[in-house]
Amino acid sequence: KRQIVSAIDYIIYLGRLKDGKRRVL
């Protein structure tokens, strides 16, 4: 956990909506 939180600053999570469109969620 210490390694991860020290190394990574941000997570950008993407998904597909029901209509197939891709969005930053």
mmCIF file of all heavy atoms, coordinates in Angstrom:
data_MODEL
# 
_entry.id   MODEL 
# 
loop_
_atom_site.group_PDB 
_atom_site.id 
_atom_site.type_symbol 
_atom_site.label_atom_id 
_atom_site.label_alt_id 
_atom_site.label_comp_id 
_atom_site.label_asym_id 
_atom_site.label_entity_id 
_atom_site.label_seq_id 
_atom_site.pdbx_PDB_ins_code 
_atom_site.Cartn_x 
_atom_site.Cartn_y 
_atom_site.Cartn_z 
_atom_site.occupancy 
_atom_site.B_iso_or_equiv 
_atom_site.pdbx_formal_charge 
_atom_site.auth_seq_id 
_atom_site.auth_comp_id 
_atom_site.auth_asym_id 
_atom_site.auth_atom_id 
_atom_site.pdbx_PDB_model_num 
ATOM 1   N N   . LYS A 1 1  ? 0.823   -1.210 0.000   1.00 0.00 ? 1  LYS A N   1 
ATOM 2   C CA  . LYS A 1 1  ? 0.000   0.000  0.000   1.00 0.00 ? 1  LYS A CA  1 
ATOM 3   C C   . LYS A 1 1  ? 0.856   1.259  0.000   1.00 0.00 ? 1  LYS A C   1 
ATOM 4   O O   . LYS A 1 1  ? 0.549   2.233  -0.693  1.00 0.00 ? 1  LYS A O   1 
ATOM 5   C CB  . LYS A 1 1  ? -0.938  -0.012 1.203   1.00 0.00 ? 1  LYS A CB  1 
ATOM 6   C CG  . LYS A 1 1  ? -2.063  -1.030 1.108   1.00 0.00 ? 1  LYS A CG  1 
ATOM 7   C CD  . LYS A 1 1  ? -2.968  -0.968 2.326   1.00 0.00 ? 1  LYS A CD  1 
ATOM 8   C CE  . LYS A 1 1  ? -4.140  -1.931 2.183   1.00 0.00 ? 1  LYS A CE  1 
ATOM 9   N NZ  . LYS A 1 1  ? -5.052  -1.889 3.342   1.00 0.00 ? 1  LYS A NZ  1 
ATOM 10  N N   . ARG A 1 2  ? 1.935   1.244  0.783   1.00 0.00 ? 2  ARG A N   1 
ATOM 11  C CA  . ARG A 1 2  ? 2.815   2.411  0.827   1.00 0.00 ? 2  ARG A CA  1 
ATOM 12  C C   . ARG A 1 2  ? 3.458   2.661  -0.536  1.00 0.00 ? 2  ARG A C   1 
ATOM 13  O O   . ARG A 1 2  ? 3.593   3.801  -0.975  1.00 0.00 ? 2  ARG A O   1 
ATOM 14  C CB  . ARG A 1 2  ? 3.889   2.227  1.904   1.00 0.00 ? 2  ARG A CB  1 
ATOM 15  C CG  . ARG A 1 2  ? 3.373   2.390  3.338   1.00 0.00 ? 2  ARG A CG  1 
ATOM 16  C CD  . ARG A 1 2  ? 4.524   2.560  4.319   1.00 0.00 ? 2  ARG A CD  1 
ATOM 17  N NE  . ARG A 1 2  ? 5.408   1.390  4.342   1.00 0.00 ? 2  ARG A NE  1 
ATOM 18  C CZ  . ARG A 1 2  ? 5.222   0.333  5.135   1.00 0.00 ? 2  ARG A CZ  1 
ATOM 19  N NH1 . ARG A 1 2  ? 4.175   0.292  5.958   1.00 0.00 ? 2  ARG A NH1 1 
ATOM 20  N NH2 . ARG A 1 2  ? 6.071   -0.666 5.115   1.00 0.00 ? 2  ARG A NH2 1 
ATOM 21  N N   . GLN A 1 3  ? 3.867   1.573  -1.194  1.00 0.00 ? 3  GLN A N   1 
ATOM 22  C CA  . GLN A 1 3  ? 4.449   1.690  -2.530  1.00 0.00 ? 3  GLN A CA  1 
ATOM 23  C C   . GLN A 1 3  ? 3.459   2.318  -3.508  1.00 0.00 ? 3  GLN A C   1 
ATOM 24  O O   . GLN A 1 3  ? 3.797   3.208  -4.289  1.00 0.00 ? 3  GLN A O   1 
ATOM 25  C CB  . GLN A 1 3  ? 4.865   0.304  -3.050  1.00 0.00 ? 3  GLN A CB  1 
ATOM 26  C CG  . GLN A 1 3  ? 6.160   -0.240 -2.478  1.00 0.00 ? 3  GLN A CG  1 
ATOM 27  C CD  . GLN A 1 3  ? 7.366   0.273  -3.242  1.00 0.00 ? 3  GLN A CD  1 
ATOM 28  O OE1 . GLN A 1 3  ? 7.323   0.480  -4.447  1.00 0.00 ? 3  GLN A OE1 1 
ATOM 29  N NE2 . GLN A 1 3  ? 8.454   0.498  -2.521  1.00 0.00 ? 3  GLN A NE2 1 
ATOM 30  N N   . ILE A 1 4  ? 2.215   1.850  -3.462  1.00 0.00 ? 4  ILE A N   1 
ATOM 31  C CA  . ILE A 1 4  ? 1.195   2.309  -4.407  1.00 0.00 ? 4  ILE A CA  1 
ATOM 32  C C   . ILE A 1 4  ? 0.858   3.776  -4.199  1.00 0.00 ? 4  ILE A C   1 
ATOM 33  O O   . ILE A 1 4  ? 0.855   4.574  -5.144  1.00 0.00 ? 4  ILE A O   1 
ATOM 34  C CB  . ILE A 1 4  ? -0.074  1.435  -4.287  1.00 0.00 ? 4  ILE A CB  1 
ATOM 35  C CG1 . ILE A 1 4  ? 0.209   0.015  -4.792  1.00 0.00 ? 4  ILE A CG1 1 
ATOM 36  C CG2 . ILE A 1 4  ? -1.244  2.051  -5.059  1.00 0.00 ? 4  ILE A CG2 1 
ATOM 37  C CD1 . ILE A 1 4  ? -0.881  -0.985 -4.471  1.00 0.00 ? 4  ILE A CD1 1 
ATOM 38  N N   . VAL A 1 5  ? 0.567   4.171  -2.955  1.00 0.00 ? 5  VAL A N   1 
ATOM 39  C CA  . VAL A 1 5  ? 0.138   5.550  -2.705  1.00 0.00 ? 5  VAL A CA  1 
ATOM 40  C C   . VAL A 1 5  ? 1.288   6.535  -2.889  1.00 0.00 ? 5  VAL A C   1 
ATOM 41  O O   . VAL A 1 5  ? 1.071   7.711  -3.223  1.00 0.00 ? 5  VAL A O   1 
ATOM 42  C CB  . VAL A 1 5  ? -0.484  5.677  -1.293  1.00 0.00 ? 5  VAL A CB  1 
ATOM 43  C CG1 . VAL A 1 5  ? 0.585   5.691  -0.212  1.00 0.00 ? 5  VAL A CG1 1 
ATOM 44  C CG2 . VAL A 1 5  ? -1.377  6.910  -1.212  1.00 0.00 ? 5  VAL A CG2 1 
ATOM 45  N N   . SER A 1 6  ? 2.514   6.061  -2.705  1.00 0.00 ? 6  SER A N   1 
ATOM 46  C CA  . SER A 1 6  ? 3.667   6.921  -2.932  1.00 0.00 ? 6  SER A CA  1 
ATOM 47  C C   . SER A 1 6  ? 3.939   7.116  -4.416  1.00 0.00 ? 6  SER A C   1 
ATOM 48  O O   . SER A 1 6  ? 4.388   8.190  -4.842  1.00 0.00 ? 6  SER A O   1 
ATOM 49  C CB  . SER A 1 6  ? 4.908   6.315  -2.251  1.00 0.00 ? 6  SER A CB  1 
ATOM 50  O OG  . SER A 1 6  ? 6.060   7.058  -2.546  1.00 0.00 ? 6  SER A OG  1 
ATOM 51  N N   . ALA A 1 7  ? 3.651   6.082  -5.212  1.00 0.00 ? 7  ALA A N   1 
ATOM 52  C CA  . ALA A 1 7  ? 3.990   6.116  -6.642  1.00 0.00 ? 7  ALA A CA  1 
ATOM 53  C C   . ALA A 1 7  ? 2.912   6.754  -7.496  1.00 0.00 ? 7  ALA A C   1 
ATOM 54  O O   . ALA A 1 7  ? 3.218   7.439  -8.479  1.00 0.00 ? 7  ALA A O   1 
ATOM 55  C CB  . ALA A 1 7  ? 4.267   4.693  -7.142  1.00 0.00 ? 7  ALA A CB  1 
ATOM 56  N N   . ILE A 1 8  ? 1.650   6.506  -7.174  1.00 0.00 ? 8  ILE A N   1 
ATOM 57  C CA  . ILE A 1 8  ? 0.545   6.901  -8.053  1.00 0.00 ? 8  ILE A CA  1 
ATOM 58  C C   . ILE A 1 8  ? -0.219  8.067  -7.438  1.00 0.00 ? 8  ILE A C   1 
ATOM 59  O O   . ILE A 1 8  ? -0.615  8.026  -6.270  1.00 0.00 ? 8  ILE A O   1 
ATOM 60  C CB  . ILE A 1 8  ? -0.400  5.712  -8.304  1.00 0.00 ? 8  ILE A CB  1 
ATOM 61  C CG1 . ILE A 1 8  ? 0.381   4.595  -9.012  1.00 0.00 ? 8  ILE A CG1 1 
ATOM 62  C CG2 . ILE A 1 8  ? -1.599  6.128  -9.141  1.00 0.00 ? 8  ILE A CG2 1 
ATOM 63  C CD1 . ILE A 1 8  ? -0.336  3.283  -9.053  1.00 0.00 ? 8  ILE A CD1 1 
ATOM 64  N N   . ASP A 1 9  ? -0.437  9.081  -8.232  1.00 0.00 ? 9  ASP A N   1 
ATOM 65  C CA  . ASP A 1 9  ? -1.128  10.274 -7.756  1.00 0.00 ? 9  ASP A CA  1 
ATOM 66  C C   . ASP A 1 9  ? -2.618  10.252 -8.084  1.00 0.00 ? 9  ASP A C   1 
ATOM 67  O O   . ASP A 1 9  ? -3.438  10.629 -7.247  1.00 0.00 ? 9  ASP A O   1 
ATOM 68  C CB  . ASP A 1 9  ? -0.489  11.521 -8.371  1.00 0.00 ? 9  ASP A CB  1 
ATOM 69  C CG  . ASP A 1 9  ? 0.971   11.671 -7.979  1.00 0.00 ? 9  ASP A CG  1 
ATOM 70  O OD1 . ASP A 1 9  ? 1.242   11.837 -6.784  1.00 0.00 ? 9  ASP A OD1 1 
ATOM 71  O OD2 . ASP A 1 9  ? 1.835   11.598 -8.876  1.00 0.00 ? 9  ASP A OD2 1 
ATOM 72  N N   . TYR A 1 10 ? -2.961  9.821  -9.315  1.00 0.00 ? 10 TYR A N   1 
ATOM 73  C CA  . TYR A 1 10 ? -4.360  9.908  -9.749  1.00 0.00 ? 10 TYR A CA  1 
ATOM 74  C C   . TYR A 1 10 ? -4.787  8.662  -10.531 1.00 0.00 ? 10 TYR A C   1 
ATOM 75  O O   . TYR A 1 10 ? -3.969  8.028  -11.211 1.00 0.00 ? 10 TYR A O   1 
ATOM 76  C CB  . TYR A 1 10 ? -4.591  11.153 -10.625 1.00 0.00 ? 10 TYR A CB  1 
ATOM 77  C CG  . TYR A 1 10 ? -4.668  12.424 -9.825  1.00 0.00 ? 10 TYR A CG  1 
ATOM 78  C CD1 . TYR A 1 10 ? -3.509  13.095 -9.453  1.00 0.00 ? 10 TYR A CD1 1 
ATOM 79  C CD2 . TYR A 1 10 ? -5.893  12.935 -9.406  1.00 0.00 ? 10 TYR A CD2 1 
ATOM 80  C CE1 . TYR A 1 10 ? -3.568  14.250 -8.686  1.00 0.00 ? 10 TYR A CE1 1 
ATOM 81  C CE2 . TYR A 1 10 ? -5.961  14.086 -8.636  1.00 0.00 ? 10 TYR A CE2 1 
ATOM 82  C CZ  . TYR A 1 10 ? -4.801  14.740 -8.282  1.00 0.00 ? 10 TYR A CZ  1 
ATOM 83  O OH  . TYR A 1 10 ? -4.870  15.878 -7.510  1.00 0.00 ? 10 TYR A OH  1 
ATOM 84  N N   . ILE A 1 11 ? -6.058  8.347  -10.402 1.00 0.00 ? 11 ILE A N   1 
ATOM 85  C CA  . ILE A 1 11 ? -6.705  7.315  -11.212 1.00 0.00 ? 11 ILE A CA  1 
ATOM 86  C C   . ILE A 1 11 ? -7.784  7.986  -12.061 1.00 0.00 ? 11 ILE A C   1 
ATOM 87  O O   . ILE A 1 11 ? -8.608  8.750  -11.545 1.00 0.00 ? 11 ILE A O   1 
ATOM 88  C CB  . ILE A 1 11 ? -7.344  6.220  -10.338 1.00 0.00 ? 11 ILE A CB  1 
ATOM 89  C CG1 . ILE A 1 11 ? -6.258  5.398  -9.633  1.00 0.00 ? 11 ILE A CG1 1 
ATOM 90  C CG2 . ILE A 1 11 ? -8.236  5.298  -11.176 1.00 0.00 ? 11 ILE A CG2 1 
ATOM 91  C CD1 . ILE A 1 11 ? -6.808  4.435  -8.595  1.00 0.00 ? 11 ILE A CD1 1 
ATOM 92  N N   . ILE A 1 12 ? -7.747  7.712  -13.361 1.00 0.00 ? 12 ILE A N   1 
ATOM 93  C CA  . ILE A 1 12 ? -8.810  8.149  -14.264 1.00 0.00 ? 12 ILE A CA  1 
ATOM 94  C C   . ILE A 1 12 ? -9.554  6.892  -14.692 1.00 0.00 ? 12 ILE A C   1 
ATOM 95  O O   . ILE A 1 12 ? -8.985  6.020  -15.358 1.00 0.00 ? 12 ILE A O   1 
ATOM 96  C CB  . ILE A 1 12 ? -8.253  8.886  -15.489 1.00 0.00 ? 12 ILE A CB  1 
ATOM 97  C CG1 . ILE A 1 12 ? -7.468  10.129 -15.043 1.00 0.00 ? 12 ILE A CG1 1 
ATOM 98  C CG2 . ILE A 1 12 ? -9.384  9.283  -16.438 1.00 0.00 ? 12 ILE A CG2 1 
ATOM 99  C CD1 . ILE A 1 12 ? -6.782  10.865 -16.184 1.00 0.00 ? 12 ILE A CD1 1 
ATOM 100 N N   . TYR A 1 13 ? -10.817 6.784  -14.281 1.00 0.00 ? 13 TYR A N   1 
ATOM 101 C CA  . TYR A 1 13 ? -11.591 5.577  -14.567 1.00 0.00 ? 13 TYR A CA  1 
ATOM 102 C C   . TYR A 1 13 ? -12.549 5.818  -15.729 1.00 0.00 ? 13 TYR A C   1 
ATOM 103 O O   . TYR A 1 13 ? -13.316 6.777  -15.741 1.00 0.00 ? 13 TYR A O   1 
ATOM 104 C CB  . TYR A 1 13 ? -12.381 5.139  -13.322 1.00 0.00 ? 13 TYR A CB  1 
ATOM 105 C CG  . TYR A 1 13 ? -13.253 3.931  -13.591 1.00 0.00 ? 13 TYR A CG  1 
ATOM 106 C CD1 . TYR A 1 13 ? -12.687 2.685  -13.823 1.00 0.00 ? 13 TYR A CD1 1 
ATOM 107 C CD2 . TYR A 1 13 ? -14.642 4.047  -13.649 1.00 0.00 ? 13 TYR A CD2 1 
ATOM 108 C CE1 . TYR A 1 13 ? -13.479 1.573  -14.098 1.00 0.00 ? 13 TYR A CE1 1 
ATOM 109 C CE2 . TYR A 1 13 ? -15.438 2.953  -13.925 1.00 0.00 ? 13 TYR A CE2 1 
ATOM 110 C CZ  . TYR A 1 13 ? -14.848 1.719  -14.142 1.00 0.00 ? 13 TYR A CZ  1 
ATOM 111 O OH  . TYR A 1 13 ? -15.631 0.624  -14.433 1.00 0.00 ? 13 TYR A OH  1 
ATOM 112 N N   . LEU A 1 14 ? -12.496 4.922  -16.726 1.00 0.00 ? 14 LEU A N   1 
ATOM 113 C CA  . LEU A 1 14 ? -13.336 5.003  -17.919 1.00 0.00 ? 14 LEU A CA  1 
ATOM 114 C C   . LEU A 1 14 ? -14.369 3.888  -17.922 1.00 0.00 ? 14 LEU A C   1 
ATOM 115 O O   . LEU A 1 14 ? -14.138 2.807  -17.362 1.00 0.00 ? 14 LEU A O   1 
ATOM 116 C CB  . LEU A 1 14 ? -12.485 4.887  -19.188 1.00 0.00 ? 14 LEU A CB  1 
ATOM 117 C CG  . LEU A 1 14 ? -11.257 5.784  -19.317 1.00 0.00 ? 14 LEU A CG  1 
ATOM 118 C CD1 . LEU A 1 14 ? -10.523 5.467  -20.612 1.00 0.00 ? 14 LEU A CD1 1 
ATOM 119 C CD2 . LEU A 1 14 ? -11.660 7.248  -19.286 1.00 0.00 ? 14 LEU A CD2 1 
ATOM 120 N N   . GLY A 1 15 ? -15.484 4.126  -18.563 1.00 0.00 ? 15 GLY A N   1 
ATOM 121 C CA  . GLY A 1 15 ? -16.513 3.096  -18.681 1.00 0.00 ? 15 GLY A CA  1 
ATOM 122 C C   . GLY A 1 15 ? -17.331 3.293  -19.943 1.00 0.00 ? 15 GLY A C   1 
ATOM 123 O O   . GLY A 1 15 ? -17.241 4.321  -20.618 1.00 0.00 ? 15 GLY A O   1 
ATOM 124 N N   . ARG A 1 16 ? -18.124 2.274  -20.253 1.00 0.00 ? 16 ARG A N   1 
ATOM 125 C CA  . ARG A 1 16 ? -19.034 2.354  -21.398 1.00 0.00 ? 16 ARG A CA  1 
ATOM 126 C C   . ARG A 1 16 ? -20.461 2.430  -20.890 1.00 0.00 ? 16 ARG A C   1 
ATOM 127 O O   . ARG A 1 16 ? -20.882 1.632  -20.045 1.00 0.00 ? 16 ARG A O   1 
ATOM 128 C CB  . ARG A 1 16 ? -18.878 1.140  -22.311 1.00 0.00 ? 16 ARG A CB  1 
ATOM 129 C CG  . ARG A 1 16 ? -17.515 1.045  -22.951 1.00 0.00 ? 16 ARG A CG  1 
ATOM 130 C CD  . ARG A 1 16 ? -17.456 -0.055 -23.988 1.00 0.00 ? 16 ARG A CD  1 
ATOM 131 N NE  . ARG A 1 16 ? -18.230 0.290  -25.177 1.00 0.00 ? 16 ARG A NE  1 
ATOM 132 C CZ  . ARG A 1 16 ? -18.196 -0.411 -26.294 1.00 0.00 ? 16 ARG A CZ  1 
ATOM 133 N NH1 . ARG A 1 16 ? -17.442 -1.496 -26.372 1.00 0.00 ? 16 ARG A NH1 1 
ATOM 134 N NH2 . ARG A 1 16 ? -18.912 -0.054 -27.335 1.00 0.00 ? 16 ARG A NH2 1 
ATOM 135 N N   . LEU A 1 17 ? -21.208 3.390  -21.410 1.00 0.00 ? 17 LEU A N   1 
ATOM 136 C CA  . LEU A 1 17 ? -22.605 3.533  -21.028 1.00 0.00 ? 17 LEU A CA  1 
ATOM 137 C C   . LEU A 1 17 ? -23.454 2.504  -21.776 1.00 0.00 ? 17 LEU A C   1 
ATOM 138 O O   . LEU A 1 17 ? -22.970 1.784  -22.649 1.00 0.00 ? 17 LEU A O   1 
ATOM 139 C CB  . LEU A 1 17 ? -23.085 4.947  -21.342 1.00 0.00 ? 17 LEU A CB  1 
ATOM 140 C CG  . LEU A 1 17 ? -22.249 6.095  -20.742 1.00 0.00 ? 17 LEU A CG  1 
ATOM 141 C CD1 . LEU A 1 17 ? -22.879 7.437  -21.090 1.00 0.00 ? 17 LEU A CD1 1 
ATOM 142 C CD2 . LEU A 1 17 ? -22.095 5.937  -19.239 1.00 0.00 ? 17 LEU A CD2 1 
ATOM 143 N N   . LYS A 1 18 ? -24.724 2.431  -21.444 1.00 0.00 ? 18 LYS A N   1 
ATOM 144 C CA  . LYS A 1 18 ? -25.609 1.441  -22.069 1.00 0.00 ? 18 LYS A CA  1 
ATOM 145 C C   . LYS A 1 18 ? -25.733 1.631  -23.574 1.00 0.00 ? 18 LYS A C   1 
ATOM 146 O O   . LYS A 1 18 ? -25.974 0.674  -24.306 1.00 0.00 ? 18 LYS A O   1 
ATOM 147 C CB  . LYS A 1 18 ? -26.998 1.500  -21.418 1.00 0.00 ? 18 LYS A CB  1 
ATOM 148 C CG  . LYS A 1 18 ? -27.015 0.993  -19.977 1.00 0.00 ? 18 LYS A CG  1 
ATOM 149 C CD  . LYS A 1 18 ? -28.422 1.035  -19.395 1.00 0.00 ? 18 LYS A CD  1 
ATOM 150 C CE  . LYS A 1 18 ? -28.431 0.505  -17.966 1.00 0.00 ? 18 LYS A CE  1 
ATOM 151 N NZ  . LYS A 1 18 ? -29.799 0.544  -17.382 1.00 0.00 ? 18 LYS A NZ  1 
ATOM 152 N N   . ASP A 1 19 ? -25.552 2.871  -24.036 1.00 0.00 ? 19 ASP A N   1 
ATOM 153 C CA  . ASP A 1 19 ? -25.639 3.132  -25.471 1.00 0.00 ? 19 ASP A CA  1 
ATOM 154 C C   . ASP A 1 19 ? -24.313 2.891  -26.196 1.00 0.00 ? 19 ASP A C   1 
ATOM 155 O O   . ASP A 1 19 ? -24.179 3.169  -27.387 1.00 0.00 ? 19 ASP A O   1 
ATOM 156 C CB  . ASP A 1 19 ? -26.112 4.563  -25.730 1.00 0.00 ? 19 ASP A CB  1 
ATOM 157 C CG  . ASP A 1 19 ? -25.184 5.614  -25.118 1.00 0.00 ? 19 ASP A CG  1 
ATOM 158 O OD1 . ASP A 1 19 ? -24.121 5.243  -24.585 1.00 0.00 ? 19 ASP A OD1 1 
ATOM 159 O OD2 . ASP A 1 19 ? -25.536 6.809  -25.165 1.00 0.00 ? 19 ASP A OD2 1 
ATOM 160 N N   . GLY A 1 20 ? -23.319 2.363  -25.470 1.00 0.00 ? 20 GLY A N   1 
ATOM 161 C CA  . GLY A 1 20 ? -22.027 2.041  -26.074 1.00 0.00 ? 20 GLY A CA  1 
ATOM 162 C C   . GLY A 1 20 ? -21.023 3.170  -26.049 1.00 0.00 ? 20 GLY A C   1 
ATOM 163 O O   . GLY A 1 20 ? -19.861 2.977  -26.419 1.00 0.00 ? 20 GLY A O   1 
ATOM 164 N N   . LYS A 1 21 ? -21.426 4.372  -25.611 1.00 0.00 ? 21 LYS A N   1 
ATOM 165 C CA  . LYS A 1 21 ? -20.510 5.509  -25.593 1.00 0.00 ? 21 LYS A CA  1 
ATOM 166 C C   . LYS A 1 21 ? -19.516 5.379  -24.440 1.00 0.00 ? 21 LYS A C   1 
ATOM 167 O O   . LYS A 1 21 ? -19.877 4.963  -23.336 1.00 0.00 ? 21 LYS A O   1 
ATOM 168 C CB  . LYS A 1 21 ? -21.292 6.811  -25.467 1.00 0.00 ? 21 LYS A CB  1 
ATOM 169 C CG  . LYS A 1 21 ? -22.163 7.118  -26.685 1.00 0.00 ? 21 LYS A CG  1 
ATOM 170 C CD  . LYS A 1 21 ? -22.954 8.394  -26.495 1.00 0.00 ? 21 LYS A CD  1 
ATOM 171 C CE  . LYS A 1 21 ? -23.823 8.684  -27.717 1.00 0.00 ? 21 LYS A CE  1 
ATOM 172 N NZ  . LYS A 1 21 ? -24.672 9.887  -27.527 1.00 0.00 ? 21 LYS A NZ  1 
ATOM 173 N N   . ARG A 1 22 ? -18.277 5.754  -24.733 1.00 0.00 ? 22 ARG A N   1 
ATOM 174 C CA  . ARG A 1 22 ? -17.224 5.711  -23.709 1.00 0.00 ? 22 ARG A CA  1 
ATOM 175 C C   . ARG A 1 22 ? -17.143 7.054  -23.003 1.00 0.00 ? 22 ARG A C   1 
ATOM 176 O O   . ARG A 1 22 ? -17.162 8.110  -23.642 1.00 0.00 ? 22 ARG A O   1 
ATOM 177 C CB  . ARG A 1 22 ? -15.880 5.356  -24.359 1.00 0.00 ? 22 ARG A CB  1 
ATOM 178 C CG  . ARG A 1 22 ? -15.860 3.976  -25.016 1.00 0.00 ? 22 ARG A CG  1 
ATOM 179 C CD  . ARG A 1 22 ? -14.566 3.767  -25.785 1.00 0.00 ? 22 ARG A CD  1 
ATOM 180 N NE  . ARG A 1 22 ? -14.465 2.403  -26.290 1.00 0.00 ? 22 ARG A NE  1 
ATOM 181 C CZ  . ARG A 1 22 ? -14.895 2.003  -27.471 1.00 0.00 ? 22 ARG A CZ  1 
ATOM 182 N NH1 . ARG A 1 22 ? -15.502 2.877  -28.270 1.00 0.00 ? 22 ARG A NH1 1 
ATOM 183 N NH2 . ARG A 1 22 ? -14.748 0.756  -27.864 1.00 0.00 ? 22 ARG A NH2 1 
ATOM 184 N N   . ARG A 1 23 ? -17.026 7.003  -21.685 1.00 0.00 ? 23 ARG A N   1 
ATOM 185 C CA  . ARG A 1 23 ? -16.993 8.228  -20.897 1.00 0.00 ? 23 ARG A CA  1 
ATOM 186 C C   . ARG A 1 23 ? -15.983 8.119  -19.755 1.00 0.00 ? 23 ARG A C   1 
ATOM 187 O O   . ARG A 1 23 ? -15.737 7.016  -19.231 1.00 0.00 ? 23 ARG A O   1 
ATOM 188 C CB  . ARG A 1 23 ? -18.377 8.512  -20.285 1.00 0.00 ? 23 ARG A CB  1 
ATOM 189 C CG  . ARG A 1 23 ? -19.461 8.849  -21.316 1.00 0.00 ? 23 ARG A CG  1 
ATOM 190 C CD  . ARG A 1 23 ? -19.247 10.225 -21.893 1.00 0.00 ? 23 ARG A CD  1 
ATOM 191 N NE  . ARG A 1 23 ? -20.302 10.630 -22.818 1.00 0.00 ? 23 ARG A NE  1 
ATOM 192 C CZ  . ARG A 1 23 ? -20.237 10.478 -24.135 1.00 0.00 ? 23 ARG A CZ  1 
ATOM 193 N NH1 . ARG A 1 23 ? -19.174 9.903  -24.695 1.00 0.00 ? 23 ARG A NH1 1 
ATOM 194 N NH2 . ARG A 1 23 ? -21.216 10.906 -24.911 1.00 0.00 ? 23 ARG A NH2 1 
ATOM 195 N N   . VAL A 1 24 ? -15.397 9.257  -19.380 1.00 0.00 ? 24 VAL A N   1 
ATOM 196 C CA  . VAL A 1 24 ? -14.650 9.336  -18.120 1.00 0.00 ? 24 VAL A CA  1 
ATOM 197 C C   . VAL A 1 24 ? -15.680 9.377  -17.005 1.00 0.00 ? 24 VAL A C   1 
ATOM 198 O O   . VAL A 1 24 ? -16.529 10.267 -16.966 1.00 0.00 ? 24 VAL A O   1 
ATOM 199 C CB  . VAL A 1 24 ? -13.758 10.588 -18.076 1.00 0.00 ? 24 VAL A CB  1 
ATOM 200 C CG1 . VAL A 1 24 ? -13.141 10.747 -16.677 1.00 0.00 ? 24 VAL A CG1 1 
ATOM 201 C CG2 . VAL A 1 24 ? -12.665 10.510 -19.130 1.00 0.00 ? 24 VAL A CG2 1 
ATOM 202 N N   . LEU A 1 25 ? -15.613 8.396  -16.101 1.00 0.00 ? 25 LEU A N   1 
ATOM 203 C CA  . LEU A 1 25 ? -16.598 8.302  -15.027 1.00 0.00 ? 25 LEU A CA  1 
ATOM 204 C C   . LEU A 1 25 ? -16.068 8.819  -13.693 1.00 0.00 ? 25 LEU A C   1 
ATOM 205 O O   . LEU A 1 25 ? -16.857 9.155  -12.812 1.00 0.00 ? 25 LEU A O   1 
ATOM 206 C CB  . LEU A 1 25 ? -17.060 6.850  -14.871 1.00 0.00 ? 25 LEU A CB  1 
ATOM 207 C CG  . LEU A 1 25 ? -17.715 6.202  -16.104 1.00 0.00 ? 25 LEU A CG  1 
ATOM 208 C CD1 . LEU A 1 25 ? -18.172 4.786  -15.779 1.00 0.00 ? 25 LEU A CD1 1 
ATOM 209 C CD2 . LEU A 1 25 ? -18.883 7.042  -16.606 1.00 0.00 ? 25 LEU A CD2 1 
# 
